[in-house]
Amino acid sequence: MLTAGDAAPDFILPGTDGEVVREYMLAEHTRDGPVVLAFYLFDFHPNCTDELCGIQNLGWFEVREDVTVLGISRDSAFSHRAFAREYDIPFPLLTDSDGAVSERYGVRLDELAGHRDVSNRAVFVIDGDTSVRYAWAADDPSTQPDWDAVRAALDEL
């Protein structure tokens, strides 16, 4: 898994903001400020719903307009669109359909509950120079990230 100080691999992935399906590139967002990458298991999974809804409840969007959050899982952009609409997720959800981005970040699981090649629950804070400033991955898929630690990493930028 990538750790603080590593260069964050750039990527282009399809995704949706809940409306339009389009491509997203990490580098286009780091130019505007820090990026929080939130890898998660599945759309509509209870723990993932808690995680992604929890991000919106943190209030980062009102306090730090320069922070971009991107959710990433193996689910399709069409599943993401339904998930984003159902739970009013205010940030893009991206599709790592072949698991290549999860692999490059070191968070691809070979198997989880009978599902092959799943993105583990993980959070990375990426700065404007595309350096990893914070990295966390779950040992247990039901574990939630320490959002205070994520916030502290953002506050240092």
N, C-alpha and C. Protein backbone atom coordinates (compact mmCIF):
# COMPACT_ATOMS: atom_id res chain seq x y z
N MET A 1 0.84 -1.19 0.00
CA MET A 1 0.00 0.00 0.00
C MET A 1 0.88 1.25 0.00
N LEU A 2 0.44 2.26 -0.71
CA LEU A 2 1.15 3.54 -0.69
C LEU A 2 1.14 4.11 0.73
N THR A 3 2.17 4.85 1.06
CA THR A 3 2.24 5.49 2.37
C THR A 3 2.56 6.97 2.20
N ALA A 4 2.47 7.71 3.30
CA ALA A 4 2.75 9.15 3.26
C ALA A 4 4.14 9.37 2.68
N GLY A 5 4.23 10.32 1.75
CA GLY A 5 5.48 10.64 1.08
C GLY A 5 5.60 10.03 -0.31
N ASP A 6 4.82 8.98 -0.59
CA ASP A 6 4.84 8.37 -1.92
C ASP A 6 4.16 9.27 -2.94
N ALA A 7 4.55 9.12 -4.19
CA ALA A 7 3.87 9.81 -5.28
C ALA A 7 2.56 9.08 -5.57
N ALA A 8 1.49 9.83 -5.66
CA ALA A 8 0.17 9.23 -5.95
C ALA A 8 0.08 8.98 -7.45
N PRO A 9 -0.18 7.74 -7.85
CA PRO A 9 -0.32 7.46 -9.28
C PRO A 9 -1.52 8.20 -9.86
N ASP A 10 -1.29 8.85 -11.00
CA ASP A 10 -2.40 9.52 -11.68
C ASP A 10 -3.29 8.45 -12.32
N PHE A 11 -4.50 8.83 -12.62
CA PHE A 11 -5.43 7.91 -13.27
C PHE A 11 -6.49 8.69 -14.01
N ILE A 12 -7.13 8.01 -14.93
CA ILE A 12 -8.35 8.50 -15.57
C ILE A 12 -9.36 7.38 -15.44
N LEU A 13 -10.48 7.67 -14.78
CA LEU A 13 -11.52 6.67 -14.56
C LEU A 13 -12.89 7.25 -14.92
N PRO A 14 -13.79 6.40 -15.41
CA PRO A 14 -15.16 6.86 -15.60
C PRO A 14 -15.83 7.00 -14.24
N GLY A 15 -16.76 7.92 -14.16
CA GLY A 15 -17.47 8.11 -12.91
C GLY A 15 -18.65 9.02 -13.11
N THR A 16 -19.30 9.33 -12.01
CA THR A 16 -20.49 10.17 -12.07
C THR A 16 -20.60 11.03 -10.83
N ASP A 17 -21.20 12.19 -11.03
CA ASP A 17 -21.54 13.07 -9.92
C ASP A 17 -22.99 12.85 -9.50
N GLY A 18 -23.58 11.78 -9.98
CA GLY A 18 -24.98 11.48 -9.71
C GLY A 18 -25.86 11.84 -10.88
N GLU A 19 -25.32 12.57 -11.82
CA GLU A 19 -26.07 12.98 -13.01
C GLU A 19 -25.40 12.47 -14.28
N VAL A 20 -24.26 13.08 -14.60
CA VAL A 20 -23.57 12.79 -15.85
C VAL A 20 -22.46 11.76 -15.61
N VAL A 21 -22.31 10.82 -16.54
CA VAL A 21 -21.19 9.89 -16.51
C VAL A 21 -20.12 10.47 -17.43
N ARG A 22 -18.90 10.65 -16.87
CA ARG A 22 -17.79 11.20 -17.65
C ARG A 22 -16.49 10.67 -17.08
N GLU A 23 -15.37 11.06 -17.68
CA GLU A 23 -14.07 10.64 -17.17
C GLU A 23 -13.54 11.66 -16.16
N TYR A 24 -12.84 11.15 -15.16
CA TYR A 24 -12.21 11.97 -14.13
C TYR A 24 -10.72 11.63 -14.09
N MET A 25 -9.90 12.67 -14.01
CA MET A 25 -8.46 12.50 -13.92
C MET A 25 -7.99 13.09 -12.59
N LEU A 26 -7.20 12.33 -11.84
CA LEU A 26 -6.71 12.81 -10.55
C LEU A 26 -6.00 14.16 -10.71
N ALA A 27 -5.12 14.28 -11.71
CA ALA A 27 -4.32 15.49 -11.87
C ALA A 27 -5.17 16.74 -12.08
N GLU A 28 -6.33 16.61 -12.70
CA GLU A 28 -7.16 17.80 -12.90
C GLU A 28 -7.72 18.32 -11.58
N HIS A 29 -7.84 17.46 -10.59
CA HIS A 29 -8.37 17.87 -9.29
C HIS A 29 -7.28 18.34 -8.34
N THR A 30 -6.08 17.76 -8.41
CA THR A 30 -5.02 18.19 -7.50
C THR A 30 -4.55 19.60 -7.84
N ARG A 31 -4.79 20.08 -9.06
CA ARG A 31 -4.44 21.46 -9.41
C ARG A 31 -5.25 22.46 -8.59
N ASP A 32 -6.45 22.05 -8.16
CA ASP A 32 -7.35 22.94 -7.42
C ASP A 32 -7.17 22.87 -5.91
N GLY A 33 -6.42 21.89 -5.43
CA GLY A 33 -6.24 21.72 -3.99
C GLY A 33 -6.13 20.25 -3.63
N PRO A 34 -6.17 19.93 -2.35
CA PRO A 34 -6.01 18.55 -1.93
C PRO A 34 -7.19 17.68 -2.36
N VAL A 35 -6.88 16.39 -2.53
CA VAL A 35 -7.89 15.41 -2.92
C VAL A 35 -7.93 14.31 -1.87
N VAL A 36 -9.13 13.94 -1.46
CA VAL A 36 -9.33 12.78 -0.60
C VAL A 36 -9.86 11.66 -1.48
N LEU A 37 -9.08 10.60 -1.61
CA LEU A 37 -9.53 9.41 -2.34
C LEU A 37 -10.09 8.44 -1.32
N ALA A 38 -11.34 8.08 -1.48
CA ALA A 38 -12.00 7.14 -0.56
C ALA A 38 -12.35 5.88 -1.34
N PHE A 39 -11.50 4.86 -1.23
CA PHE A 39 -11.79 3.58 -1.84
C PHE A 39 -12.81 2.87 -0.97
N TYR A 40 -13.78 2.23 -1.60
CA TYR A 40 -14.79 1.51 -0.82
C TYR A 40 -15.18 0.24 -1.54
N LEU A 41 -15.86 -0.66 -0.81
CA LEU A 41 -16.13 -2.01 -1.30
C LEU A 41 -17.19 -2.03 -2.41
N PHE A 42 -18.41 -1.62 -2.07
CA PHE A 42 -19.53 -1.76 -2.99
C PHE A 42 -20.55 -0.64 -2.78
N ASP A 43 -21.20 -0.22 -3.85
CA ASP A 43 -22.36 0.65 -3.72
C ASP A 43 -23.43 -0.11 -2.94
N PHE A 44 -24.15 0.59 -2.10
CA PHE A 44 -25.28 0.07 -1.33
C PHE A 44 -24.89 -0.91 -0.23
N HIS A 45 -23.60 -1.16 -0.01
CA HIS A 45 -23.17 -1.98 1.13
C HIS A 45 -23.35 -1.12 2.38
N PRO A 46 -23.94 -1.64 3.45
CA PRO A 46 -24.22 -0.79 4.62
C PRO A 46 -23.01 -0.04 5.17
N ASN A 47 -21.86 -0.70 5.28
CA ASN A 47 -20.67 -0.01 5.81
C ASN A 47 -20.18 1.07 4.85
N CYS A 48 -20.31 0.82 3.55
CA CYS A 48 -19.88 1.81 2.57
C CYS A 48 -20.84 2.99 2.55
N THR A 49 -22.10 2.71 2.71
CA THR A 49 -23.09 3.79 2.78
C THR A 49 -22.77 4.68 3.98
N ASP A 50 -22.46 4.06 5.12
CA ASP A 50 -22.08 4.84 6.31
C ASP A 50 -20.84 5.68 6.05
N GLU A 51 -19.84 5.08 5.38
CA GLU A 51 -18.59 5.80 5.12
C GLU A 51 -18.82 7.00 4.20
N LEU A 52 -19.48 6.77 3.07
CA LEU A 52 -19.64 7.85 2.10
C LEU A 52 -20.62 8.91 2.59
N CYS A 53 -21.68 8.50 3.25
CA CYS A 53 -22.59 9.49 3.83
C CYS A 53 -21.90 10.23 4.97
N GLY A 54 -21.02 9.53 5.69
CA GLY A 54 -20.28 10.17 6.77
C GLY A 54 -19.38 11.29 6.27
N ILE A 55 -18.81 11.12 5.09
CA ILE A 55 -17.96 12.17 4.52
C ILE A 55 -18.76 13.44 4.31
N GLN A 56 -19.96 13.29 3.76
CA GLN A 56 -20.76 14.50 3.51
C GLN A 56 -21.20 15.15 4.82
N ASN A 57 -21.35 14.36 5.87
CA ASN A 57 -21.76 14.91 7.17
C ASN A 57 -20.63 15.63 7.90
N LEU A 58 -19.39 15.48 7.42
CA LEU A 58 -18.26 16.15 8.07
C LEU A 58 -18.26 17.65 7.85
N GLY A 59 -18.97 18.11 6.84
CA GLY A 59 -19.04 19.54 6.59
C GLY A 59 -17.83 20.12 5.88
N TRP A 60 -16.97 19.27 5.30
CA TRP A 60 -15.78 19.76 4.62
C TRP A 60 -16.13 20.68 3.47
N PHE A 61 -17.25 20.44 2.84
CA PHE A 61 -17.60 21.19 1.64
C PHE A 61 -17.96 22.64 1.96
N GLU A 62 -18.42 22.89 3.16
CA GLU A 62 -18.72 24.25 3.57
C GLU A 62 -17.47 24.97 4.08
N VAL A 63 -16.57 24.22 4.71
CA VAL A 63 -15.39 24.80 5.34
C VAL A 63 -14.21 24.89 4.37
N ARG A 64 -13.99 23.87 3.58
CA ARG A 64 -12.82 23.79 2.67
C ARG A 64 -13.30 23.56 1.24
N GLU A 65 -13.58 24.63 0.55
CA GLU A 65 -14.04 24.52 -0.83
C GLU A 65 -12.96 23.98 -1.76
N ASP A 66 -11.69 24.04 -1.34
CA ASP A 66 -10.61 23.56 -2.19
C ASP A 66 -10.39 22.06 -2.09
N VAL A 67 -11.07 21.36 -1.19
CA VAL A 67 -10.92 19.91 -1.03
C VAL A 67 -11.86 19.20 -1.98
N THR A 68 -11.30 18.27 -2.75
CA THR A 68 -12.09 17.41 -3.63
C THR A 68 -12.11 16.01 -3.04
N VAL A 69 -13.28 15.41 -2.98
CA VAL A 69 -13.41 14.02 -2.55
C VAL A 69 -13.81 13.21 -3.76
N LEU A 70 -13.13 12.08 -3.96
CA LEU A 70 -13.46 11.14 -5.02
C LEU A 70 -13.62 9.76 -4.39
N GLY A 71 -14.79 9.15 -4.55
CA GLY A 71 -15.01 7.79 -4.10
C GLY A 71 -14.66 6.84 -5.23
N ILE A 72 -14.05 5.71 -4.91
CA ILE A 72 -13.64 4.74 -5.94
C ILE A 72 -14.01 3.33 -5.50
N SER A 73 -14.70 2.62 -6.39
CA SER A 73 -14.95 1.19 -6.18
C SER A 73 -14.99 0.50 -7.54
N ARG A 74 -15.18 -0.80 -7.53
CA ARG A 74 -15.22 -1.57 -8.77
C ARG A 74 -16.59 -1.54 -9.43
N ASP A 75 -17.61 -1.03 -8.76
CA ASP A 75 -18.96 -0.99 -9.33
C ASP A 75 -19.01 -0.08 -10.55
N SER A 76 -20.03 -0.29 -11.38
CA SER A 76 -20.17 0.50 -12.61
C SER A 76 -20.61 1.93 -12.32
N ALA A 77 -20.36 2.80 -13.27
CA ALA A 77 -20.78 4.20 -13.13
C ALA A 77 -22.30 4.30 -13.03
N PHE A 78 -23.00 3.35 -13.60
CA PHE A 78 -24.47 3.37 -13.55
C PHE A 78 -24.97 2.97 -12.17
N SER A 79 -24.28 2.02 -11.53
CA SER A 79 -24.58 1.69 -10.14
C SER A 79 -24.24 2.88 -9.24
N HIS A 80 -23.08 3.51 -9.52
CA HIS A 80 -22.68 4.70 -8.76
C HIS A 80 -23.74 5.80 -8.87
N ARG A 81 -24.27 5.99 -10.07
CA ARG A 81 -25.27 7.06 -10.26
C ARG A 81 -26.50 6.78 -9.40
N ALA A 82 -26.97 5.55 -9.38
CA ALA A 82 -28.14 5.20 -8.57
C ALA A 82 -27.82 5.37 -7.08
N PHE A 83 -26.62 4.96 -6.66
CA PHE A 83 -26.19 5.09 -5.27
C PHE A 83 -26.10 6.56 -4.86
N ALA A 84 -25.47 7.37 -5.71
CA ALA A 84 -25.31 8.81 -5.42
C ALA A 84 -26.66 9.49 -5.31
N ARG A 85 -27.58 9.12 -6.18
CA ARG A 85 -28.92 9.73 -6.15
C ARG A 85 -29.69 9.29 -4.91
N GLU A 86 -29.59 8.01 -4.59
CA GLU A 86 -30.32 7.46 -3.44
C GLU A 86 -29.90 8.13 -2.13
N TYR A 87 -28.58 8.37 -1.97
CA TYR A 87 -28.06 8.89 -0.72
C TYR A 87 -27.56 10.33 -0.82
N ASP A 88 -27.84 10.99 -1.93
CA ASP A 88 -27.46 12.38 -2.13
C ASP A 88 -25.97 12.61 -1.86
N ILE A 89 -25.13 11.75 -2.44
CA ILE A 89 -23.68 11.86 -2.29
C ILE A 89 -23.22 13.08 -3.09
N PRO A 90 -22.55 14.05 -2.45
CA PRO A 90 -22.21 15.31 -3.13
C PRO A 90 -20.86 15.32 -3.84
N PHE A 91 -20.25 14.17 -4.07
CA PHE A 91 -18.95 14.12 -4.73
C PHE A 91 -18.95 12.96 -5.72
N PRO A 92 -18.05 12.99 -6.70
CA PRO A 92 -18.03 11.96 -7.74
C PRO A 92 -17.66 10.58 -7.20
N LEU A 93 -18.28 9.57 -7.80
CA LEU A 93 -17.96 8.17 -7.53
C LEU A 93 -17.39 7.60 -8.82
N LEU A 94 -16.19 7.01 -8.72
CA LEU A 94 -15.46 6.56 -9.89
C LEU A 94 -15.41 5.04 -9.96
N THR A 95 -15.31 4.54 -11.19
CA THR A 95 -15.33 3.11 -11.46
C THR A 95 -13.94 2.60 -11.82
N ASP A 96 -13.40 1.78 -10.97
CA ASP A 96 -12.12 1.11 -11.21
C ASP A 96 -12.46 -0.31 -11.68
N SER A 97 -13.03 -0.41 -12.87
CA SER A 97 -13.63 -1.67 -13.32
C SER A 97 -12.64 -2.83 -13.42
N ASP A 98 -11.40 -2.56 -13.78
CA ASP A 98 -10.43 -3.66 -13.88
C ASP A 98 -9.54 -3.78 -12.65
N GLY A 99 -9.73 -2.91 -11.68
CA GLY A 99 -8.96 -2.97 -10.43
C GLY A 99 -7.54 -2.42 -10.55
N ALA A 100 -7.19 -1.82 -11.69
CA ALA A 100 -5.82 -1.35 -11.90
C ALA A 100 -5.44 -0.23 -10.93
N VAL A 101 -6.37 0.70 -10.67
CA VAL A 101 -6.05 1.80 -9.75
C VAL A 101 -5.94 1.28 -8.32
N SER A 102 -6.84 0.41 -7.93
CA SER A 102 -6.75 -0.20 -6.60
C SER A 102 -5.42 -0.93 -6.44
N GLU A 103 -5.01 -1.61 -7.48
CA GLU A 103 -3.73 -2.33 -7.46
C GLU A 103 -2.57 -1.35 -7.31
N ARG A 104 -2.57 -0.25 -8.07
CA ARG A 104 -1.48 0.72 -8.02
C ARG A 104 -1.39 1.41 -6.65
N TYR A 105 -2.52 1.55 -5.98
CA TYR A 105 -2.53 2.16 -4.64
C TYR A 105 -2.32 1.11 -3.55
N GLY A 106 -2.28 -0.16 -3.94
CA GLY A 106 -2.02 -1.24 -2.99
C GLY A 106 -3.21 -1.60 -2.12
N VAL A 107 -4.43 -1.39 -2.64
CA VAL A 107 -5.63 -1.65 -1.82
C VAL A 107 -6.60 -2.64 -2.50
N ARG A 108 -6.10 -3.42 -3.45
CA ARG A 108 -6.96 -4.41 -4.09
C ARG A 108 -6.95 -5.69 -3.26
N LEU A 109 -8.15 -6.17 -2.96
CA LEU A 109 -8.30 -7.44 -2.25
C LEU A 109 -8.57 -8.53 -3.28
N ASP A 110 -7.91 -9.67 -3.13
CA ASP A 110 -8.15 -10.78 -4.06
C ASP A 110 -9.58 -11.30 -3.95
N GLU A 111 -10.11 -11.31 -2.72
CA GLU A 111 -11.45 -11.86 -2.51
C GLU A 111 -12.03 -11.30 -1.22
N LEU A 112 -13.33 -11.06 -1.24
CA LEU A 112 -14.05 -10.65 -0.04
C LEU A 112 -15.48 -11.15 -0.16
N ALA A 113 -15.86 -12.00 0.76
CA ALA A 113 -17.23 -12.53 0.81
C ALA A 113 -17.68 -13.10 -0.54
N GLY A 114 -16.77 -13.82 -1.20
CA GLY A 114 -17.10 -14.45 -2.47
C GLY A 114 -16.97 -13.55 -3.68
N HIS A 115 -16.60 -12.28 -3.48
CA HIS A 115 -16.40 -11.35 -4.59
C HIS A 115 -14.90 -11.24 -4.86
N ARG A 116 -14.51 -11.38 -6.11
CA ARG A 116 -13.09 -11.33 -6.48
C ARG A 116 -12.69 -9.90 -6.85
N ASP A 117 -11.42 -9.60 -6.56
CA ASP A 117 -10.81 -8.33 -6.96
C ASP A 117 -11.64 -7.12 -6.54
N VAL A 118 -11.73 -6.91 -5.25
CA VAL A 118 -12.51 -5.83 -4.66
C VAL A 118 -11.56 -4.74 -4.16
N SER A 119 -11.99 -3.50 -4.23
CA SER A 119 -11.21 -2.40 -3.62
C SER A 119 -11.44 -2.44 -2.11
N ASN A 120 -10.37 -2.50 -1.35
CA ASN A 120 -10.47 -2.45 0.10
C ASN A 120 -10.90 -1.04 0.52
N ARG A 121 -11.49 -0.95 1.68
CA ARG A 121 -11.83 0.36 2.24
C ARG A 121 -10.50 1.04 2.61
N ALA A 122 -10.24 2.19 1.99
CA ALA A 122 -8.98 2.91 2.21
C ALA A 122 -9.20 4.39 1.93
N VAL A 123 -8.38 5.23 2.56
CA VAL A 123 -8.46 6.67 2.36
C VAL A 123 -7.04 7.20 2.17
N PHE A 124 -6.89 8.05 1.16
CA PHE A 124 -5.63 8.73 0.89
C PHE A 124 -5.91 10.22 0.78
N VAL A 125 -5.04 11.03 1.38
CA VAL A 125 -5.06 12.47 1.17
C VAL A 125 -3.89 12.78 0.24
N ILE A 126 -4.21 13.40 -0.89
CA ILE A 126 -3.23 13.72 -1.92
C ILE A 126 -3.10 15.25 -2.00
N ASP A 127 -1.86 15.76 -1.95
CA ASP A 127 -1.68 17.21 -2.01
C ASP A 127 -1.59 17.70 -3.45
N GLY A 128 -1.43 18.99 -3.62
CA GLY A 128 -1.38 19.60 -4.94
C GLY A 128 -0.20 19.17 -5.78
N ASP A 129 0.83 18.61 -5.16
CA ASP A 129 2.00 18.10 -5.88
C ASP A 129 1.87 16.60 -6.14
N THR A 130 0.68 16.06 -5.93
CA THR A 130 0.34 14.64 -6.08
C THR A 130 1.18 13.73 -5.17
N SER A 131 1.50 14.23 -3.99
CA SER A 131 2.16 13.40 -2.98
C SER A 131 1.11 12.92 -1.98
N VAL A 132 1.26 11.69 -1.55
CA VAL A 132 0.38 11.15 -0.52
C VAL A 132 0.76 11.79 0.81
N ARG A 133 -0.20 12.42 1.46
CA ARG A 133 0.05 13.05 2.76
C ARG A 133 -0.52 12.23 3.90
N TYR A 134 -1.46 11.35 3.60
CA TYR A 134 -2.08 10.48 4.61
C TYR A 134 -2.56 9.24 3.89
N ALA A 135 -2.39 8.08 4.53
CA ALA A 135 -2.86 6.82 3.95
C ALA A 135 -3.38 5.92 5.07
N TRP A 136 -4.50 5.30 4.80
CA TRP A 136 -5.12 4.37 5.75
C TRP A 136 -5.86 3.31 4.95
N ALA A 137 -5.79 2.06 5.41
CA ALA A 137 -6.59 0.97 4.83
C ALA A 137 -7.12 0.12 5.97
N ALA A 138 -8.32 -0.38 5.78
CA ALA A 138 -8.98 -1.17 6.81
C ALA A 138 -8.38 -2.57 6.91
N ASP A 139 -8.18 -3.03 8.14
CA ASP A 139 -7.82 -4.43 8.37
C ASP A 139 -9.07 -5.29 8.36
N ASP A 140 -10.18 -4.68 8.75
CA ASP A 140 -11.49 -5.33 8.80
C ASP A 140 -12.44 -4.45 7.98
N PRO A 141 -13.14 -5.02 7.00
CA PRO A 141 -13.99 -4.20 6.13
C PRO A 141 -15.08 -3.41 6.83
N SER A 142 -15.39 -3.75 8.08
CA SER A 142 -16.43 -3.01 8.79
C SER A 142 -15.86 -1.79 9.52
N THR A 143 -14.53 -1.64 9.53
CA THR A 143 -13.87 -0.53 10.20
C THR A 143 -14.05 0.76 9.40
N GLN A 144 -14.37 1.83 10.09
CA GLN A 144 -14.49 3.14 9.46
C GLN A 144 -13.17 3.90 9.60
N PRO A 145 -12.86 4.77 8.65
CA PRO A 145 -11.63 5.57 8.76
C PRO A 145 -11.69 6.52 9.97
N ASP A 146 -10.52 6.94 10.41
CA ASP A 146 -10.41 7.95 11.46
C ASP A 146 -10.48 9.31 10.77
N TRP A 147 -11.67 9.87 10.70
CA TRP A 147 -11.86 11.13 9.97
C TRP A 147 -11.15 12.30 10.63
N ASP A 148 -10.89 12.23 11.93
CA ASP A 148 -10.11 13.28 12.59
C ASP A 148 -8.68 13.30 12.05
N ALA A 149 -8.11 12.12 11.80
CA ALA A 149 -6.75 12.04 11.24
C ALA A 149 -6.73 12.56 9.80
N VAL A 150 -7.78 12.27 9.04
CA VAL A 150 -7.88 12.79 7.67
C VAL A 150 -7.96 14.31 7.71
N ARG A 151 -8.79 14.82 8.60
CA ARG A 151 -8.95 16.27 8.74
C ARG A 151 -7.64 16.93 9.15
N ALA A 152 -6.90 16.29 10.07
CA ALA A 152 -5.61 16.84 10.49
C ALA A 152 -4.63 16.89 9.31
N ALA A 153 -4.63 15.88 8.47
CA ALA A 153 -3.76 15.88 7.29
C ALA A 153 -4.15 17.00 6.34
N LEU A 154 -5.44 17.23 6.19
CA LEU A 154 -5.90 18.34 5.33
C LEU A 154 -5.53 19.69 5.93
N ASP A 155 -5.64 19.81 7.25
CA ASP A 155 -5.32 21.08 7.92
C ASP A 155 -3.84 21.44 7.80
N GLU A 156 -2.97 20.43 7.63
CA GLU A 156 -1.54 20.68 7.47
C GLU A 156 -1.21 21.24 6.09
N LEU A 157 -2.13 21.12 5.16
CA LEU A 157 -1.86 21.58 3.78
C LEU A 157 -2.21 23.05 3.62
